[in-house]
C-alpha cells in the first residue's frame, strides 16, 4: 500500500493514536470525515491518512 514503509506498523500506529483519542469528540468527527472522503475516493482510510501526512510534511518543508 505505502511505498518505503511497513504497512502493518503504520496501521498499528494510526489505530493506537485513534484509540488513545477516543474521548475527543472533535477528533472523532474529523476521523469520520477522513474515512468518508477516503471511501468517496475509493481508497482505504489508512491510505488517506498517509496522503494527509505527506501533504502536511510538504507544506511544513515549504514554510522553512
PDB file of N, CA and C in Angstrom:
ATOM      1  N   UNK A   1       0.819  -1.190   0.000  1.00  0.00           N
ATOM      2  CA  UNK A   1       0.000   0.000   0.000  1.00  0.00           C
ATOM      3  C   UNK A   1       0.867   1.260   0.000  1.00  0.00           C
ATOM      4  N   UNK A   2       1.818   1.355   0.896  1.00  0.00           N
ATOM      5  CA  UNK A   2       2.653   2.535   1.012  1.00  0.00           C
ATOM      6  C   UNK A   2       4.065   2.197   0.577  1.00  0.00           C
ATOM      7  N   UNK A   3       4.593   2.996  -0.286  1.00  0.00           N
ATOM      8  CA  UNK A   3       5.962   2.760  -0.737  1.00  0.00           C
ATOM      9  C   UNK A   3       6.938   3.171   0.356  1.00  0.00           C
ATOM     10  N   UNK A   4       7.928   2.345   0.568  1.00  0.00           N
ATOM     11  CA  UNK A   4       9.000   2.632   1.524  1.00  0.00           C
ATOM     12  C   UNK A   4       8.498   2.688   2.968  1.00  0.00           C
ATOM     13  N   UNK A   5       7.475   1.960   3.289  1.00  0.00           N
ATOM     14  CA  UNK A   5       7.001   1.967   4.670  1.00  0.00           C
ATOM     15  C   UNK A   5       6.332   0.641   4.988  1.00  0.00           C
ATOM     16  N   UNK A   6       6.452   0.214   6.224  1.00  0.00           N
ATOM     17  CA  UNK A   6       5.851  -1.032   6.693  1.00  0.00           C
ATOM     18  C   UNK A   6       4.360  -0.795   6.943  1.00  0.00           C
ATOM     19  N   UNK A   7       3.517  -1.369   6.102  1.00  0.00           N
ATOM     20  CA  UNK A   7       2.063  -1.161   6.196  1.00  0.00           C
ATOM     21  C   UNK A   7       1.512  -1.490   7.576  1.00  0.00           C
ATOM     22  N   UNK A   8       1.889  -2.645   8.101  1.00  0.00           N
ATOM     23  CA  UNK A   8       1.339  -3.069   9.387  1.00  0.00           C
ATOM     24  C   UNK A   8       1.762  -2.146  10.524  1.00  0.00           C
ATOM     25  N   UNK A   9       2.989  -1.694  10.485  1.00  0.00           N
ATOM     26  CA  UNK A   9       3.472  -0.772  11.515  1.00  0.00           C
ATOM     27  C   UNK A   9       2.708   0.551  11.446  1.00  0.00           C
ATOM     28  N   UNK A  10       2.517   1.062  10.243  1.00  0.00           N
ATOM     29  CA  UNK A  10       1.778   2.311  10.057  1.00  0.00           C
ATOM     30  C   UNK A  10       0.344   2.164  10.571  1.00  0.00           C
ATOM     31  N   UNK A  11      -0.319   1.089  10.193  1.00  0.00           N
ATOM     32  CA  UNK A  11      -1.697   0.857  10.627  1.00  0.00           C
ATOM     33  C   UNK A  11      -1.785   0.771  12.148  1.00  0.00           C
ATOM     34  N   UNK A  12      -0.830   0.091  12.753  1.00  0.00           N
ATOM     35  CA  UNK A  12      -0.833  -0.046  14.213  1.00  0.00           C
ATOM     36  C   UNK A  12      -0.670   1.315  14.887  1.00  0.00           C
ATOM     37  N   UNK A  13       0.214   2.151  14.368  1.00  0.00           N
ATOM     38  CA  UNK A  13       0.418   3.487  14.930  1.00  0.00           C
ATOM     39  C   UNK A  13      -0.864   4.304  14.832  1.00  0.00           C
ATOM     40  N   UNK A  14      -1.490   4.280  13.669  1.00  0.00           N
ATOM     41  CA  UNK A  14      -2.734   5.041  13.464  1.00  0.00           C
ATOM     42  C   UNK A  14      -3.832   4.500  14.375  1.00  0.00           C
ATOM     43  N   UNK A  15      -3.973   3.206  14.458  1.00  0.00           N
ATOM     44  CA  UNK A  15      -5.000   2.612  15.324  1.00  0.00           C
ATOM     45  C   UNK A  15      -4.786   3.002  16.786  1.00  0.00           C
ATOM     46  N   UNK A  16      -3.549   2.952  17.252  1.00  0.00           N
ATOM     47  CA  UNK A  16      -3.256   3.319  18.643  1.00  0.00           C
ATOM     48  C   UNK A  16      -3.544   4.797  18.887  1.00  0.00           C
ATOM     49  N   UNK A  17      -3.214   5.636  17.916  1.00  0.00           N
ATOM     50  CA  UNK A  17      -3.481   7.064  18.036  1.00  0.00           C
ATOM     51  C   UNK A  17      -4.984   7.324  18.145  1.00  0.00           C
ATOM     52  N   UNK A  18      -5.762   6.666  17.311  1.00  0.00           N
ATOM     53  CA  UNK A  18      -7.218   6.841  17.341  1.00  0.00           C
ATOM     54  C   UNK A  18      -7.787   6.346  18.669  1.00  0.00           C
ATOM     55  N   UNK A  19      -7.344   5.193  19.114  1.00  0.00           N
ATOM     56  CA  UNK A  19      -7.852   4.652  20.381  1.00  0.00           C
ATOM     57  C   UNK A  19      -7.489   5.551  21.560  1.00  0.00           C
ATOM     58  N   UNK A  20      -6.308   6.134  21.525  1.00  0.00           N
ATOM     59  CA  UNK A  20      -5.896   6.998  22.636  1.00  0.00           C
ATOM     60  C   UNK A  20      -6.645   8.328  22.639  1.00  0.00           C
ATOM     61  N   UNK A  21      -7.275   8.658  21.529  1.00  0.00           N
ATOM     62  CA  UNK A  21      -8.009   9.924  21.419  1.00  0.00           C
ATOM     63  C   UNK A  21      -9.518   9.715  21.359  1.00  0.00           C
ATOM     64  N   UNK A  22      -9.967   8.545  21.742  1.00  0.00           N
ATOM     65  CA  UNK A  22     -11.375   8.195  21.558  1.00  0.00           C
ATOM     66  C   UNK A  22     -12.342   9.028  22.400  1.00  0.00           C
ATOM     67  N   UNK A  23     -11.858   9.778  23.373  1.00  0.00           N
ATOM     68  CA  UNK A  23     -12.740  10.622  24.179  1.00  0.00           C
ATOM     69  C   UNK A  23     -12.906  12.020  23.599  1.00  0.00           C
ATOM     70  N   UNK A  24     -12.187  12.335  22.553  1.00  0.00           N
ATOM     71  CA  UNK A  24     -12.219  13.650  21.936  1.00  0.00           C
ATOM     72  C   UNK A  24     -13.226  13.642  20.775  1.00  0.00           C
ATOM     73  N   UNK A  25     -14.394  14.225  21.009  1.00  0.00           N
ATOM     74  CA  UNK A  25     -15.468  14.170  20.006  1.00  0.00           C
ATOM     75  C   UNK A  25     -15.103  14.909  18.722  1.00  0.00           C
ATOM     76  N   UNK A  26     -14.392  16.022  18.833  1.00  0.00           N
ATOM     77  CA  UNK A  26     -13.987  16.766  17.649  1.00  0.00           C
ATOM     78  C   UNK A  26     -13.017  15.939  16.799  1.00  0.00           C
ATOM     79  N   UNK A  27     -12.095  15.272  17.462  1.00  0.00           N
ATOM     80  CA  UNK A  27     -11.144  14.401  16.768  1.00  0.00           C
ATOM     81  C   UNK A  27     -11.879  13.255  16.070  1.00  0.00           C
ATOM     82  N   UNK A  28     -12.812  12.641  16.766  1.00  0.00           N
ATOM     83  CA  UNK A  28     -13.557  11.524  16.177  1.00  0.00           C
ATOM     84  C   UNK A  28     -14.380  11.974  14.972  1.00  0.00           C
ATOM     85  N   UNK A  29     -14.917  13.180  15.020  1.00  0.00           N
ATOM     86  CA  UNK A  29     -15.665  13.729  13.884  1.00  0.00           C
ATOM     87  C   UNK A  29     -14.715  13.911  12.690  1.00  0.00           C
ATOM     88  N   UNK A  30     -13.510  14.407  12.955  1.00  0.00           N
ATOM     89  CA  UNK A  30     -12.530  14.578  11.886  1.00  0.00           C
ATOM     90  C   UNK A  30     -12.143  13.226  11.279  1.00  0.00           C
ATOM     91  N   UNK A  31     -11.967  12.230  12.129  1.00  0.00           N
ATOM     92  CA  UNK A  31     -11.627  10.883  11.653  1.00  0.00           C
ATOM     93  C   UNK A  31     -12.750  10.323  10.782  1.00  0.00           C
ATOM     94  N   UNK A  32     -13.986  10.530  11.197  1.00  0.00           N
ATOM     95  CA  UNK A  32     -15.138  10.085  10.401  1.00  0.00           C
ATOM     96  C   UNK A  32     -15.144  10.772   9.039  1.00  0.00           C
ATOM     97  N   UNK A  33     -14.864  12.072   9.020  1.00  0.00           N
ATOM     98  CA  UNK A  33     -14.826  12.813   7.756  1.00  0.00           C
ATOM     99  C   UNK A  33     -13.717  12.304   6.840  1.00  0.00           C
ATOM    100  N   UNK A  34     -12.573  12.000   7.427  1.00  0.00           N
ATOM    101  CA  UNK A  34     -11.466  11.444   6.646  1.00  0.00           C
ATOM    102  C   UNK A  34     -11.866  10.092   6.066  1.00  0.00           C
ATOM    103  N   UNK A  35     -12.533   9.286   6.856  1.00  0.00           N
ATOM    104  CA  UNK A  35     -12.982   7.968   6.406  1.00  0.00           C
ATOM    105  C   UNK A  35     -13.982   8.104   5.257  1.00  0.00           C
ATOM    106  N   UNK A  36     -14.923   9.036   5.372  1.00  0.00           N
ATOM    107  CA  UNK A  36     -15.909   9.255   4.304  1.00  0.00           C
ATOM    108  C   UNK A  36     -15.234   9.747   3.021  1.00  0.00           C
ATOM    109  N   UNK A  37     -14.280  10.650   3.154  1.00  0.00           N
ATOM    110  CA  UNK A  37     -13.563  11.156   1.982  1.00  0.00           C
ATOM    111  C   UNK A  37     -12.763  10.041   1.317  1.00  0.00           C
ATOM    112  N   UNK A  38     -12.138   9.194   2.118  1.00  0.00           N
ATOM    113  CA  UNK A  38     -11.389   8.056   1.575  1.00  0.00           C
ATOM    114  C   UNK A  38     -12.319   7.133   0.792  1.00  0.00           C
ATOM    115  N   UNK A  39     -13.471   6.840   1.361  1.00  0.00           N
ATOM    116  CA  UNK A  39     -14.441   5.982   0.680  1.00  0.00           C
ATOM    117  C   UNK A  39     -14.890   6.628  -0.635  1.00  0.00           C
ATOM    118  N   UNK A  40     -15.121   7.930  -0.598  1.00  0.00           N
ATOM    119  CA  UNK A  40     -15.520   8.663  -1.799  1.00  0.00           C
ATOM    120  C   UNK A  40     -14.446   8.558  -2.886  1.00  0.00           C
ATOM    121  N   UNK A  41     -13.186   8.585  -2.487  1.00  0.00           N
ATOM    122  CA  UNK A  41     -12.077   8.495  -3.442  1.00  0.00           C
ATOM    123  C   UNK A  41     -11.737   7.052  -3.825  1.00  0.00           C
ATOM    124  N   UNK A  42     -12.332   6.094  -3.123  1.00  0.00           N
ATOM    125  CA  UNK A  42     -12.078   4.683  -3.422  1.00  0.00           C
ATOM    126  C   UNK A  42     -10.747   4.180  -2.896  1.00  0.00           C
ATOM    127  N   UNK A  43     -10.278   4.797  -1.804  1.00  0.00           N
ATOM    128  CA  UNK A  43      -9.032   4.353  -1.186  1.00  0.00           C
ATOM    129  C   UNK A  43      -9.310   3.983   0.270  1.00  0.00           C
ATOM    130  N   UNK A  44      -8.338   3.348   0.893  1.00  0.00           N
ATOM    131  CA  UNK A  44      -8.537   2.951   2.288  1.00  0.00           C
ATOM    132  C   UNK A  44      -8.354   4.150   3.220  1.00  0.00           C
ATOM    133  N   UNK A  45      -8.882   4.024   4.398  1.00  0.00           N
ATOM    134  CA  UNK A  45      -8.715   5.042   5.432  1.00  0.00           C
ATOM    135  C   UNK A  45      -7.230   5.294   5.685  1.00  0.00           C
ATOM    136  N   UNK A  46      -6.455   4.221   5.755  1.00  0.00           N
ATOM    137  CA  UNK A  46      -5.023   4.343   6.036  1.00  0.00           C
ATOM    138  C   UNK A  46      -4.285   5.048   4.902  1.00  0.00           C
ATOM    139  N   UNK A  47      -4.681   4.771   3.666  1.00  0.00           N
ATOM    140  CA  UNK A  47      -4.079   5.474   2.539  1.00  0.00           C
ATOM    141  C   UNK A  47      -4.376   6.974   2.624  1.00  0.00           C
ATOM    142  N   UNK A  48      -5.595   7.311   3.005  1.00  0.00           N
ATOM    143  CA  UNK A  48      -5.981   8.717   3.122  1.00  0.00           C
ATOM    144  C   UNK A  48      -5.162   9.402   4.217  1.00  0.00           C
ATOM    145  N   UNK A  49      -5.009   8.752   5.339  1.00  0.00           N
ATOM    146  CA  UNK A  49      -4.197   9.312   6.427  1.00  0.00           C
ATOM    147  C   UNK A  49      -2.766   9.515   5.948  1.00  0.00           C
ATOM    148  N   UNK A  50      -2.218   8.530   5.242  1.00  0.00           N
ATOM    149  CA  UNK A  50      -0.857   8.623   4.728  1.00  0.00           C
ATOM    150  C   UNK A  50      -0.717   9.818   3.783  1.00  0.00           C
ATOM    151  N   UNK A  51      -1.682  10.012   2.904  1.00  0.00           N
ATOM    152  CA  UNK A  51      -1.675  11.146   1.975  1.00  0.00           C
ATOM    153  C   UNK A  51      -1.707  12.465   2.734  1.00  0.00           C
ATOM    154  N   UNK A  52      -2.565  12.551   3.731  1.00  0.00           N
ATOM    155  CA  UNK A  52      -2.673  13.787   4.515  1.00  0.00           C
ATOM    156  C   UNK A  52      -1.378  14.091   5.261  1.00  0.00           C
ATOM    157  N   UNK A  53      -0.743  13.070   5.791  1.00  0.00           N
ATOM    158  CA  UNK A  53       0.534  13.264   6.491  1.00  0.00           C
ATOM    159  C   UNK A  53       1.599  13.750   5.501  1.00  0.00           C
ATOM    160  N   UNK A  54       1.653  13.129   4.327  1.00  0.00           N
ATOM    161  CA  UNK A  54       2.629  13.547   3.317  1.00  0.00           C
ATOM    162  C   UNK A  54       2.395  14.995   2.901  1.00  0.00           C
ATOM    163  N   UNK A  55       1.142  15.385   2.686  1.00  0.00           N
ATOM    164  CA  UNK A  55       0.823  16.765   2.305  1.00  0.00           C
ATOM    165  C   UNK A  55       1.260  17.732   3.394  1.00  0.00           C
ATOM    166  N   UNK A  56       1.024  17.370   4.638  1.00  0.00           N
ATOM    167  CA  UNK A  56       1.420  18.239   5.742  1.00  0.00           C
ATOM    168  C   UNK A  56       2.937  18.385   5.813  1.00  0.00           C
ATOM    169  N   UNK A  57       3.654  17.309   5.596  1.00  0.00           N
ATOM    170  CA  UNK A  57       5.122  17.369   5.600  1.00  0.00           C
ATOM    171  C   UNK A  57       5.642  18.267   4.479  1.00  0.00           C
ATOM    172  N   UNK A  58       5.022  18.181   3.326  1.00  0.00           N
ATOM    173  CA  UNK A  58       5.432  19.027   2.195  1.00  0.00           C
ATOM    174  C   UNK A  58       5.180  20.493   2.511  1.00  0.00           C
ATOM    175  N   UNK A  59       4.003  20.804   3.069  1.00  0.00           N
ATOM    176  CA  UNK A  59       3.688  22.188   3.440  1.00  0.00           C
ATOM    177  C   UNK A  59       4.660  22.711   4.509  1.00  0.00           C
ATOM    178  N   UNK A  60       4.971  21.867   5.460  1.00  0.00           N
ATOM    179  CA  UNK A  60       5.893  22.266   6.527  1.00  0.00           C
ATOM    180  C   UNK A  60       7.284  22.548   5.963  1.00  0.00           C
ATOM    181  N   UNK A  61       7.747  21.727   5.053  1.00  0.00           N
ATOM    182  CA  UNK A  61       9.061  21.928   4.453  1.00  0.00           C
ATOM    183  C   UNK A  61       9.095  23.213   3.620  1.00  0.00           C
ATOM    184  N   UNK A  62       8.003  23.548   2.953  1.00  0.00           N
ATOM    185  CA  UNK A  62       7.947  24.762   2.132  1.00  0.00           C
ATOM    186  C   UNK A  62       8.016  26.008   2.990  1.00  0.00           C
ATOM    187  N   UNK A  63       7.494  25.935   4.209  1.00  0.00           N
ATOM    188  CA  UNK A  63       7.492  27.097   5.109  1.00  0.00           C
ATOM    189  C   UNK A  63       8.880  27.407   5.638  1.00  0.00           C
ATOM    190  N   UNK A  64       9.752  26.425   5.677  1.00  0.00           N
ATOM    191  CA  UNK A  64      11.100  26.610   6.250  1.00  0.00           C
ATOM    192  C   UNK A  64      12.037  27.263   5.287  1.00  0.00           C
TER     193      UNK A  64
END
